Amino acid sequence: MAAPQITAPRFDVDRWQARLDELRAAHHVPAATLAVLAGGTVHELASGVLHRGTGVPATPGSVFLAGSLAKAYTATLVMQLVDAGELDLDAPVVGVLPEFGTPDPEATGKITIRQLLSHTGGVTNDFQYDSGRGDDCLAKYVAAAREVAPACPPGTAFSYGSLGYAVLGRLIEVRTGQTWDRALKDRLFSPLGLEHSMTLPEEALRFRAAMGHIGGPGQDPEPAPAWDLMPRSAGPYGRVIVSAGDVARFAKMHLDGGVAEDGTRVLSAASVAAMQRREVDSPDKWTMSADAWGLGWTLHDWNGVFGFGHDGSAVSQHSYLRVIPQTGVAIVLLTNGGDVARLYTDLFAELLAELTGARTPAPFAPPANPPEVDLAPLLGSYRRAGVITTISRGDTGARIRYEFVDGLKDVSPPLEAELVPLSPTVFAAPFNLGGETYSPVVFSTLVDGTPCVYVFMRATPKAA
C-alpha cells in the first residue's frame, strides 16, 4: 500500500529566488532554472545568464539540454506500449526487434526489455555512433551496434548503458510506426501540455536556449565551443531540450498516477508503480545519489524518505530531478556550467529538508583519515568495449588510468588520478569533472563472481 501523502509546506517564492541567486553566484554557475512542484502547483524560478558572451538572461521558460534525463521519457513511452499490450517487459528484445544483436548470440537471445530499462542487460554505455540526421537514424544505430560486445553478461550486474535506451527508442518506433521524436511529441509532450519540451536542436530556436560553459573550479566558466555534440540517434538516451517547469509537469503526471492535468490518462497506475519499483541495487550510490534503479528511474532512500528521479549531462549542461511521492513534491534544477554539483547539493539539501523532511547524504568525499586497504586483489586491467581501466600502485596507494580505446579513442585523453580509499571497495578519484571534487570508483563482482570496477556507474569486468 502506498504511503499516505503529507502536505508540503507553502513554497516561499521570494525567499527561494534569493537563495537560488546566492548559491548560483557562489558556485560560478552562469544560469540556473528551478522548478518546484509543491501543493499541486509548479513554481518556476530563473537566475543568471544563458550565455556569458551575449548576456541574455535566463527566464523560467528557457530551455536547456537535459542529457540523460531523456531516459525517463523513453521509459515512459515503453510503459505506455506495455499498457497497450504491444510489449512484454520480460520478452527478449530480439523477439520484437529482430535486427537487434550483439557479437554474442547467447547474450543476444537473453536480453529483455526489462533489463534494458533497468540497466541490467549488460550492454555498454560507450557506443557513440553518428548515424545521420534522417528518420532512419535509430535503425542505423541499432544495426551498427550489433558489432559492439556487451560490457558484461545480461542479468549479472547493474551497469549504466545508453546503448540500451537507443535500442528501446528503436523498439518504440517499430511498435508505433513513428519516429521516436514524433512519438514523444504525440504521446507525452502534447497530452501533458509541455510547450517548452522538444528533441531536435532546430526546435530550440523558438525559445531562449542555454549555452554550456566550461572552466576550472572556483572561476566563472567560458562558453563551450559547441552547443550540442550529440547525433540525432542519441535522443532516446541523451537529448530532450526542456524547461524546468515542463520537467516538473512531467513528474507531476507520475505523481498523479499517470493522469495529465486535464484528466487525460497518459500511463496506467500499474505502470507508474512498476517504474518506481526496485529492480536492482546500485553498487555506486553516489554518482546519481541512487540507492537502486527501477524501470527508467533512479531510486533514493533518504533516512526512510523514498524518492525517485534522474540526472543528465550534455556539453556541460546538467539536469537534476528529485520526486518525493509522500509529500507530492518534485524539484527540478537545470544548469549550464560551473560547479553544478555543489549547487545541486546545497540547494536540494535545503529544499528537500524543508519541503519533505528528507536528509540528503553529504557530498561524496574521502575521509580525513583514509583506512588502510589491501590493494592486491584490486590491481590489474579491467576492460569493456571502448574503455580500459587500469588499477596500479601509485606513490601513495592505488592509481587509476581510465582510457578510451578503439572507436572511442578520440573522445577524451585518459583520465588519471591517485585513488583515496573510503573502504576496502570504495575509492575517491579527483577527476574534477562537472565541478565535482571527487568521483566514486567502486570495486564489486558480477553475479558469476567475476571481479569488476565501477567508474561513472559503468561495470567493467577484470581482464588481467
Protein backbone atom coordinates (compact mmCIF):
# COMPACT_ATOMS: atom_id res chain seq x y z
CA MET A 1 0.00 0.00 0.00
CA ALA A 2 1.27 3.47 -0.90
CA ALA A 3 2.30 5.72 1.97
CA PRO A 4 -0.26 8.44 2.80
CA GLN A 5 0.61 11.74 1.18
CA ILE A 6 1.75 14.50 3.51
CA THR A 7 1.03 18.11 2.60
CA ALA A 8 4.22 20.04 1.84
CA PRO A 9 4.78 23.45 3.46
CA ARG A 10 3.95 26.57 1.46
CA PHE A 11 6.68 27.41 -1.06
CA ASP A 12 8.07 30.89 -0.46
CA VAL A 13 8.98 32.04 -3.96
CA ASP A 14 10.79 35.23 -2.96
CA ARG A 15 12.95 33.53 -0.35
CA TRP A 16 13.95 30.69 -2.64
CA GLN A 17 14.62 33.09 -5.53
CA ALA A 18 17.10 34.93 -3.31
CA ARG A 19 18.68 31.65 -2.24
CA LEU A 20 18.97 30.43 -5.84
CA ASP A 21 20.65 33.71 -6.84
CA GLU A 22 23.04 33.45 -3.92
CA LEU A 23 24.08 29.83 -4.44
CA ARG A 24 24.32 30.15 -8.23
CA ALA A 25 26.75 33.05 -7.92
CA ALA A 26 28.76 31.36 -5.16
CA HIS A 27 29.28 28.26 -7.29
CA HIS A 28 30.06 30.15 -10.52
CA VAL A 29 27.09 28.73 -12.44
CA PRO A 30 26.19 31.11 -15.30
CA ALA A 31 22.48 30.23 -15.30
CA ALA A 32 20.13 28.02 -13.35
CA THR A 33 16.41 27.47 -13.59
CA LEU A 34 14.49 25.85 -10.76
CA ALA A 35 11.00 24.37 -10.76
CA VAL A 36 9.35 23.18 -7.57
CA LEU A 37 6.09 21.25 -7.52
CA ALA A 38 4.54 21.72 -4.06
CA GLY A 39 0.92 21.72 -3.01
CA GLY A 40 -0.10 20.80 -6.56
CA THR A 41 1.40 23.99 -8.04
CA VAL A 42 4.54 24.30 -10.17
CA HIS A 43 6.68 27.28 -9.15
CA GLU A 44 9.32 28.37 -11.71
CA LEU A 45 12.41 30.45 -10.92
CA ALA A 46 15.39 31.56 -13.01
CA SER A 47 18.76 33.14 -12.26
CA GLY A 48 21.81 34.30 -14.21
CA VAL A 49 22.60 34.43 -17.91
CA LEU A 50 22.16 31.75 -20.56
CA HIS A 51 25.36 32.77 -22.38
CA ARG A 52 28.15 34.76 -20.73
CA GLY A 53 29.21 36.05 -24.15
CA THR A 54 25.84 37.59 -25.00
CA GLY A 55 24.48 38.29 -21.53
CA VAL A 56 20.99 37.00 -22.37
CA PRO A 57 19.24 36.47 -19.02
CA ALA A 58 17.67 33.17 -18.06
CA THR A 59 13.89 33.11 -17.71
CA PRO A 60 11.58 30.41 -16.32
CA GLY A 61 10.71 29.31 -19.86
CA SER A 62 14.34 29.00 -21.00
CA VAL A 63 15.27 25.59 -22.37
CA PHE A 64 18.35 23.53 -21.53
CA LEU A 65 19.90 20.34 -22.85
CA ALA A 66 18.87 17.80 -20.21
CA GLY A 67 21.10 14.89 -21.29
CA SER A 68 20.23 11.53 -19.76
CA LEU A 69 17.01 12.81 -18.26
CA ALA A 70 15.72 11.71 -21.69
CA LYS A 71 15.85 8.11 -20.43
CA ALA A 72 12.90 8.70 -18.11
CA TYR A 73 10.81 9.91 -21.05
CA THR A 74 11.81 6.93 -23.20
CA ALA A 75 10.98 4.56 -20.34
CA THR A 76 7.55 6.17 -20.02
CA LEU A 77 6.88 5.61 -23.72
CA VAL A 78 7.89 1.95 -23.36
CA MET A 79 5.50 1.55 -20.44
CA GLN A 80 2.69 3.07 -22.50
CA LEU A 81 3.25 0.28 -25.01
CA VAL A 82 3.20 -2.26 -22.18
CA ASP A 83 -0.17 -0.80 -21.13
CA ALA A 84 -1.44 -1.22 -24.68
CA GLY A 85 -0.36 -4.87 -24.81
CA GLU A 86 2.20 -4.06 -27.50
CA LEU A 87 5.19 -5.08 -25.38
CA ASP A 88 6.02 -7.64 -22.70
CA LEU A 89 8.69 -6.44 -20.27
CA ASP A 90 10.18 -9.92 -19.88
CA ALA A 91 10.24 -10.80 -23.58
CA PRO A 92 13.65 -10.98 -25.29
CA VAL A 93 14.30 -7.79 -27.22
CA VAL A 94 15.30 -9.73 -30.33
CA GLY A 95 11.82 -11.27 -30.47
CA VAL A 96 10.33 -7.81 -31.02
CA LEU A 97 13.28 -6.26 -32.80
CA PRO A 98 14.99 -8.94 -34.93
CA GLU A 99 17.69 -6.51 -36.10
CA PHE A 100 18.93 -6.16 -32.52
CA GLY A 101 22.05 -8.13 -31.72
CA THR A 102 25.49 -8.39 -30.15
CA PRO A 103 28.57 -10.42 -31.16
CA ASP A 104 27.45 -12.98 -28.56
CA PRO A 105 24.37 -14.87 -29.86
CA GLU A 106 23.64 -16.37 -26.44
CA ALA A 107 23.62 -12.95 -24.80
CA THR A 108 21.52 -11.52 -27.61
CA GLY A 109 18.81 -14.08 -27.01
CA LYS A 110 18.64 -13.39 -23.28
CA ILE A 111 18.47 -9.59 -23.10
CA THR A 112 14.95 -8.46 -22.17
CA ILE A 113 13.12 -5.15 -22.35
CA ARG A 114 13.04 -5.02 -18.54
CA GLN A 115 16.82 -5.43 -18.43
CA LEU A 116 17.39 -2.56 -20.84
CA LEU A 117 15.09 -0.32 -18.81
CA SER A 118 16.88 -1.19 -15.54
CA HIS A 119 20.45 -1.21 -16.95
CA THR A 120 20.90 -4.92 -16.25
CA GLY A 121 21.14 -6.09 -19.87
CA GLY A 122 24.93 -5.87 -19.92
CA VAL A 123 25.09 -3.53 -22.94
CA THR A 124 27.69 -0.78 -22.92
CA ASN A 125 27.25 2.93 -22.32
CA ASP A 126 30.14 3.91 -24.56
CA PHE A 127 29.00 3.40 -28.13
CA GLN A 128 28.86 6.79 -29.78
CA TYR A 129 27.84 6.44 -33.40
CA ASP A 130 26.62 9.18 -35.70
CA SER A 131 24.05 7.52 -37.94
CA GLY A 132 22.98 10.77 -39.59
CA ARG A 133 20.07 13.14 -39.28
CA GLY A 134 17.48 11.07 -41.15
CA ASP A 135 14.39 9.43 -39.71
CA ASP A 136 16.24 6.13 -40.06
CA CYS A 137 19.00 7.17 -37.63
CA LEU A 138 17.95 4.76 -34.86
CA ALA A 139 17.56 1.86 -37.28
CA LYS A 140 21.11 2.52 -38.50
CA TYR A 141 22.39 2.85 -34.93
CA VAL A 142 20.92 -0.50 -33.88
CA ALA A 143 22.40 -2.16 -36.96
CA ALA A 144 25.86 -0.77 -36.17
CA ALA A 145 25.54 -1.74 -32.50
CA ARG A 146 25.40 -5.43 -33.46
CA GLU A 147 29.21 -5.33 -33.58
CA VAL A 148 29.57 -3.93 -30.02
CA ALA A 149 30.39 -6.52 -27.36
CA PRO A 150 28.35 -6.43 -24.13
CA ALA A 151 30.14 -4.97 -21.11
CA CYS A 152 29.06 -7.99 -19.04
CA PRO A 153 26.67 -10.94 -19.43
CA PRO A 154 22.97 -9.97 -19.24
CA GLY A 155 21.41 -10.20 -15.82
CA THR A 156 24.74 -10.37 -13.94
CA ALA A 157 25.06 -6.74 -12.81
CA PHE A 158 23.73 -3.23 -12.91
CA SER A 159 25.74 -1.27 -15.48
CA TYR A 160 24.56 2.09 -16.77
CA GLY A 161 24.07 1.71 -20.52
CA SER A 162 22.91 4.30 -23.02
CA LEU A 163 23.09 1.88 -25.94
CA GLY A 164 20.15 0.01 -24.41
CA TYR A 165 18.00 3.12 -24.47
CA ALA A 166 18.79 3.74 -28.14
CA VAL A 167 17.54 0.19 -28.74
CA LEU A 168 14.40 0.97 -26.73
CA GLY A 169 13.92 4.08 -28.84
CA ARG A 170 14.02 1.96 -32.00
CA LEU A 171 11.64 -0.54 -30.43
CA ILE A 172 9.20 2.34 -29.83
CA GLU A 173 9.49 3.30 -33.49
CA VAL A 174 8.73 -0.22 -34.68
CA ARG A 175 5.69 -0.59 -32.43
CA THR A 176 4.22 2.89 -33.04
CA GLY A 177 5.14 3.42 -36.68
CA GLN A 178 6.50 6.85 -35.70
CA THR A 179 9.98 8.22 -35.17
CA TRP A 180 10.99 8.37 -31.52
CA ASP A 181 10.85 12.18 -31.74
CA ARG A 182 7.29 12.17 -33.08
CA ALA A 183 6.12 9.50 -30.63
CA LEU A 184 7.43 11.60 -27.74
CA LYS A 185 5.60 14.68 -29.00
CA ASP A 186 2.31 12.94 -29.71
CA ARG A 187 2.22 10.61 -26.72
CA LEU A 188 3.78 12.71 -23.95
CA PHE A 189 4.54 16.34 -24.77
CA SER A 190 1.14 17.16 -26.31
CA PRO A 191 -1.12 15.32 -23.82
CA LEU A 192 0.79 16.92 -20.92
CA GLY A 193 0.80 20.40 -22.47
CA LEU A 194 4.60 20.57 -22.44
CA GLU A 195 5.11 23.50 -24.80
CA HIS A 196 8.74 24.06 -23.80
CA SER A 197 9.89 20.48 -24.50
CA MET A 198 11.46 19.22 -27.71
CA THR A 199 14.09 16.85 -29.08
CA LEU A 200 15.75 18.49 -32.08
CA PRO A 201 18.19 21.42 -31.96
CA GLU A 202 16.36 23.44 -34.61
CA GLU A 203 13.21 23.35 -32.47
CA ALA A 204 15.03 25.09 -29.64
CA LEU A 205 15.47 28.23 -31.75
CA ARG A 206 11.90 29.28 -30.82
CA PHE A 207 12.98 29.79 -27.21
CA ARG A 208 15.75 31.24 -25.09
CA ALA A 209 18.24 28.37 -25.08
CA ALA A 210 21.08 27.88 -22.62
CA MET A 211 24.67 27.57 -23.79
CA GLY A 212 27.03 25.24 -21.95
CA HIS A 213 30.10 26.73 -20.26
CA ILE A 214 33.47 25.19 -19.43
CA GLY A 215 36.07 26.21 -16.87
CA GLY A 216 38.08 25.13 -13.86
CA PRO A 217 36.70 25.09 -10.32
CA GLY A 218 36.38 28.36 -8.45
CA GLN A 219 36.12 30.58 -11.53
CA ASP A 220 33.47 31.83 -13.92
CA PRO A 221 33.43 29.43 -16.90
CA GLU A 222 33.51 30.49 -20.54
CA PRO A 223 31.03 29.46 -23.29
CA ALA A 224 31.70 25.98 -24.68
CA PRO A 225 32.97 25.73 -28.27
CA ALA A 226 29.81 23.91 -29.38
CA TRP A 227 26.20 23.86 -28.20
CA ASP A 228 25.34 20.20 -28.83
CA LEU A 229 27.76 17.47 -29.89
CA MET A 230 25.34 14.53 -29.90
CA PRO A 231 23.95 12.89 -33.06
CA ARG A 232 20.21 12.56 -33.56
CA SER A 233 20.34 8.87 -32.60
CA ALA A 234 21.31 9.92 -29.07
CA GLY A 235 17.79 11.22 -28.49
CA PRO A 236 16.27 8.29 -26.56
CA TYR A 237 19.16 8.20 -24.10
CA GLY A 238 20.56 11.70 -24.13
CA ARG A 239 18.61 14.53 -25.69
CA VAL A 240 15.50 16.24 -24.56
CA ILE A 241 15.57 20.04 -24.63
CA VAL A 242 13.30 21.28 -21.87
CA SER A 243 12.35 23.95 -19.39
CA ALA A 244 12.47 23.17 -15.70
CA GLY A 245 8.74 23.75 -15.40
CA ASP A 246 7.97 21.22 -18.12
CA VAL A 247 10.09 18.60 -16.37
CA ALA A 248 8.12 19.26 -13.17
CA ARG A 249 4.85 18.83 -15.07
CA PHE A 250 6.12 15.53 -16.49
CA ALA A 251 6.97 14.44 -12.95
CA LYS A 252 3.51 15.54 -11.75
CA MET A 253 1.89 13.10 -14.14
CA HIS A 254 3.87 10.31 -12.48
CA LEU A 255 2.90 11.61 -9.04
CA ASP A 256 -0.76 11.72 -10.10
CA GLY A 257 -0.82 8.04 -11.06
CA GLY A 258 -0.38 8.60 -14.79
CA VAL A 259 -3.07 11.25 -15.28
CA ALA A 260 -2.47 14.61 -17.01
CA GLU A 261 -3.65 17.94 -15.59
CA ASP A 262 -6.80 17.85 -17.77
CA GLY A 263 -7.72 14.33 -16.63
CA THR A 264 -6.30 12.52 -19.67
CA ARG A 265 -4.80 9.17 -18.74
CA VAL A 266 -1.28 9.04 -20.12
CA LEU A 267 0.04 5.99 -18.26
CA SER A 268 -1.64 3.31 -16.16
CA ALA A 269 -1.30 3.48 -12.39
CA ALA A 270 0.22 -0.02 -12.54
CA SER A 271 2.98 1.15 -14.90
CA VAL A 272 3.65 4.25 -12.80
CA ALA A 273 4.16 1.98 -9.80
CA ALA A 274 6.27 -0.52 -11.75
CA MET A 275 8.69 2.21 -12.83
CA GLN A 276 9.27 3.11 -9.16
CA ARG A 277 9.71 -0.49 -8.01
CA ARG A 278 13.24 -1.57 -7.11
CA GLU A 279 14.75 -3.74 -9.86
CA VAL A 280 18.41 -3.73 -8.84
CA ASP A 281 20.63 -2.23 -6.16
CA SER A 282 23.27 0.26 -7.23
CA PRO A 283 26.88 -0.51 -6.23
CA ASP A 284 27.70 3.15 -6.95
CA LYS A 285 25.32 5.04 -4.66
CA TRP A 286 26.91 8.45 -5.23
CA THR A 287 27.12 9.37 -8.93
CA MET A 288 23.35 9.96 -9.17
CA SER A 289 22.64 9.61 -5.45
CA ALA A 290 20.91 6.34 -6.38
CA ASP A 291 20.46 3.53 -3.89
CA ALA A 292 18.77 1.43 -6.56
CA TRP A 293 17.16 1.54 -10.00
CA GLY A 294 13.64 0.96 -11.19
CA LEU A 295 12.39 0.95 -14.78
CA GLY A 296 13.94 4.19 -16.01
CA TRP A 297 14.11 5.91 -12.61
CA THR A 298 16.88 6.25 -10.07
CA LEU A 299 15.51 5.31 -6.63
CA HIS A 300 16.53 7.06 -3.41
CA ASP A 301 16.12 6.33 0.28
CA TRP A 302 16.95 9.31 2.45
CA ASN A 303 16.63 8.03 6.02
CA GLY A 304 13.32 6.35 5.24
CA VAL A 305 12.00 9.01 2.84
CA PHE A 306 11.53 7.40 -0.58
CA GLY A 307 12.20 9.32 -3.77
CA PHE A 308 12.85 8.81 -7.45
CA GLY A 309 14.36 10.87 -10.26
CA HIS A 310 17.22 11.10 -12.74
CA ASP A 311 20.21 13.28 -13.67
CA GLY A 312 21.59 14.28 -17.04
CA SER A 313 24.63 15.94 -18.63
CA ALA A 314 25.23 17.34 -22.11
CA VAL A 315 28.17 19.57 -23.08
CA SER A 316 28.45 20.96 -19.53
CA GLN A 317 24.70 21.48 -19.18
CA HIS A 318 23.38 19.45 -16.24
CA SER A 319 19.89 18.48 -15.10
CA TYR A 320 18.58 17.13 -11.79
CA LEU A 321 15.12 15.78 -10.93
CA ARG A 322 14.06 14.53 -7.50
CA VAL A 323 10.50 13.45 -6.70
CA ILE A 324 9.11 12.61 -3.24
CA PRO A 325 5.74 10.84 -3.62
CA GLN A 326 4.86 11.01 0.08
CA THR A 327 4.69 14.81 0.01
CA GLY A 328 3.81 15.33 -3.66
CA VAL A 329 6.99 17.34 -4.17
CA ALA A 330 9.16 17.41 -7.28
CA ILE A 331 12.27 19.57 -7.66
CA VAL A 332 14.00 20.27 -10.98
CA LEU A 333 17.28 22.11 -11.50
CA LEU A 334 18.72 22.90 -14.93
CA THR A 335 22.19 24.45 -15.22
CA ASN A 336 24.75 25.42 -17.85
CA GLY A 337 28.22 25.04 -16.30
CA GLY A 338 30.29 25.90 -13.27
CA ASP A 339 30.30 23.90 -10.05
CA VAL A 340 26.85 22.45 -10.68
CA ALA A 341 27.36 19.53 -8.29
CA ARG A 342 27.83 21.88 -5.34
CA LEU A 343 24.85 23.98 -6.39
CA TYR A 344 22.71 20.84 -6.58
CA THR A 345 23.98 19.53 -3.23
CA ASP A 346 23.45 22.77 -1.33
CA LEU A 347 20.13 23.78 -2.88
CA PHE A 348 18.45 20.37 -2.84
CA ALA A 349 19.57 19.62 0.71
CA GLU A 350 17.79 22.76 1.89
CA LEU A 351 14.70 22.36 -0.30
CA LEU A 352 14.16 18.69 0.45
CA ALA A 353 14.67 19.18 4.18
CA GLU A 354 12.08 21.98 4.32
CA LEU A 355 9.51 20.54 1.92
CA THR A 356 9.78 16.82 2.63
CA GLY A 357 11.80 16.27 5.79
CA ALA A 358 14.36 14.27 3.83
CA ARG A 359 18.02 14.50 4.89
CA THR A 360 20.18 14.04 1.83
CA PRO A 361 23.65 12.50 2.12
CA ALA A 362 26.75 14.66 2.30
CA PRO A 363 28.76 15.17 -0.92
CA PHE A 364 30.95 12.25 -1.87
CA ALA A 365 34.46 12.75 -0.49
CA PRO A 366 37.18 10.70 1.22
CA PRO A 367 37.54 10.77 5.00
CA ALA A 368 40.15 12.89 6.72
CA ASN A 369 41.97 9.70 7.77
CA PRO A 370 41.59 7.13 4.96
CA PRO A 371 41.67 3.48 6.05
CA GLU A 372 44.45 1.07 5.17
CA VAL A 373 43.36 -1.17 2.29
CA ASP A 374 44.83 -4.34 0.79
CA LEU A 375 45.28 -3.33 -2.85
CA ALA A 376 46.49 -6.69 -4.16
CA PRO A 377 43.02 -8.06 -5.13
CA LEU A 378 42.15 -4.83 -6.93
CA LEU A 379 45.25 -4.32 -9.10
CA GLY A 380 45.10 -5.13 -12.78
CA SER A 381 43.37 -4.31 -16.05
CA TYR A 382 39.60 -4.07 -16.47
CA ARG A 383 38.15 -3.93 -19.98
CA ARG A 384 34.90 -3.43 -21.83
CA ALA A 385 34.19 -2.24 -25.37
CA GLY A 386 35.77 1.20 -25.79
CA VAL A 387 37.34 1.53 -22.33
CA ILE A 388 40.32 0.12 -20.44
CA THR A 389 40.60 0.84 -16.72
CA THR A 390 43.97 0.09 -15.13
CA ILE A 391 44.47 -0.02 -11.37
CA SER A 392 48.12 0.12 -10.31
CA ARG A 393 50.21 1.10 -7.31
CA GLY A 394 50.92 4.81 -7.17
CA ASP A 395 53.12 6.95 -4.95
CA THR A 396 50.72 6.87 -2.02
CA GLY A 397 48.40 3.97 -2.78
CA ALA A 398 46.24 2.87 -5.71
CA ARG A 399 46.24 4.76 -9.00
CA ILE A 400 43.63 4.67 -11.77
CA ARG A 401 44.00 5.19 -15.51
CA TYR A 402 40.67 5.39 -17.36
CA GLU A 403 41.42 5.23 -21.08
CA PHE A 404 39.15 5.39 -24.12
CA VAL A 405 40.21 2.97 -26.86
CA ASP A 406 39.07 1.55 -30.19
CA GLY A 407 36.30 3.70 -31.67
CA LEU A 408 36.27 5.97 -28.63
CA LYS A 409 39.99 6.78 -28.59
CA ASP A 410 39.41 10.41 -29.63
CA VAL A 411 36.63 11.13 -27.12
CA SER A 412 38.96 12.32 -24.37
CA PRO A 413 42.55 11.99 -23.18
CA PRO A 414 42.98 9.30 -20.50
CA LEU A 415 41.79 10.25 -17.02
CA GLU A 416 44.40 9.52 -14.35
CA ALA A 417 44.35 10.05 -10.60
CA GLU A 418 45.54 8.75 -7.26
CA LEU A 419 42.74 6.87 -5.51
CA VAL A 420 41.82 7.66 -1.90
CA PRO A 421 40.04 4.84 -0.02
CA LEU A 422 36.79 5.23 1.84
CA SER A 423 36.50 1.48 2.46
CA PRO A 424 38.11 -1.71 1.07
CA THR A 425 35.92 -1.42 -2.05
CA VAL A 426 35.07 2.28 -2.43
CA PHE A 427 37.64 4.87 -3.52
CA ALA A 428 37.57 8.54 -4.48
CA ALA A 429 39.20 9.75 -7.69
CA PRO A 430 39.84 13.51 -8.06
CA PHE A 431 38.90 13.62 -11.74
CA ASN A 432 37.33 17.06 -11.22
CA LEU A 433 34.53 16.59 -13.75
CA GLY A 434 31.49 18.86 -13.88
CA GLY A 435 32.70 20.75 -10.83
CA GLU A 436 32.69 17.61 -8.69
CA THR A 437 35.75 17.31 -6.48
CA TYR A 438 35.75 13.50 -6.39
CA SER A 439 34.27 10.70 -8.47
CA PRO A 440 33.50 7.30 -6.89
CA VAL A 441 35.41 4.21 -8.02
CA VAL A 442 33.69 1.10 -6.69
CA PHE A 443 35.01 -2.48 -6.79
CA SER A 444 32.41 -5.24 -6.90
CA THR A 445 31.68 -8.59 -8.54
CA LEU A 446 29.28 -9.82 -11.18
CA VAL A 447 26.71 -12.46 -10.24
CA ASP A 448 29.09 -15.14 -11.58
CA GLY A 449 31.87 -13.94 -9.26
CA THR A 450 33.95 -12.07 -11.84
CA PRO A 451 35.64 -9.00 -10.26
CA CYS A 452 34.64 -5.69 -11.78
CA VAL A 453 35.13 -1.99 -11.21
CA TYR A 454 32.52 0.76 -11.48
CA VAL A 455 33.55 4.15 -12.85
CA PHE A 456 30.74 6.56 -13.77
CA MET A 457 28.27 3.76 -12.90
CA ARG A 458 29.62 1.51 -15.71
CA ALA A 459 30.68 -2.01 -14.74
CA THR A 460 33.95 -3.13 -16.30
CA PRO A 461 34.99 -6.78 -15.72
CA LYS A 462 38.56 -7.62 -14.77
CA ALA A 463 40.61 -8.85 -17.72
CA ALA A 464 44.02 -9.44 -16.13
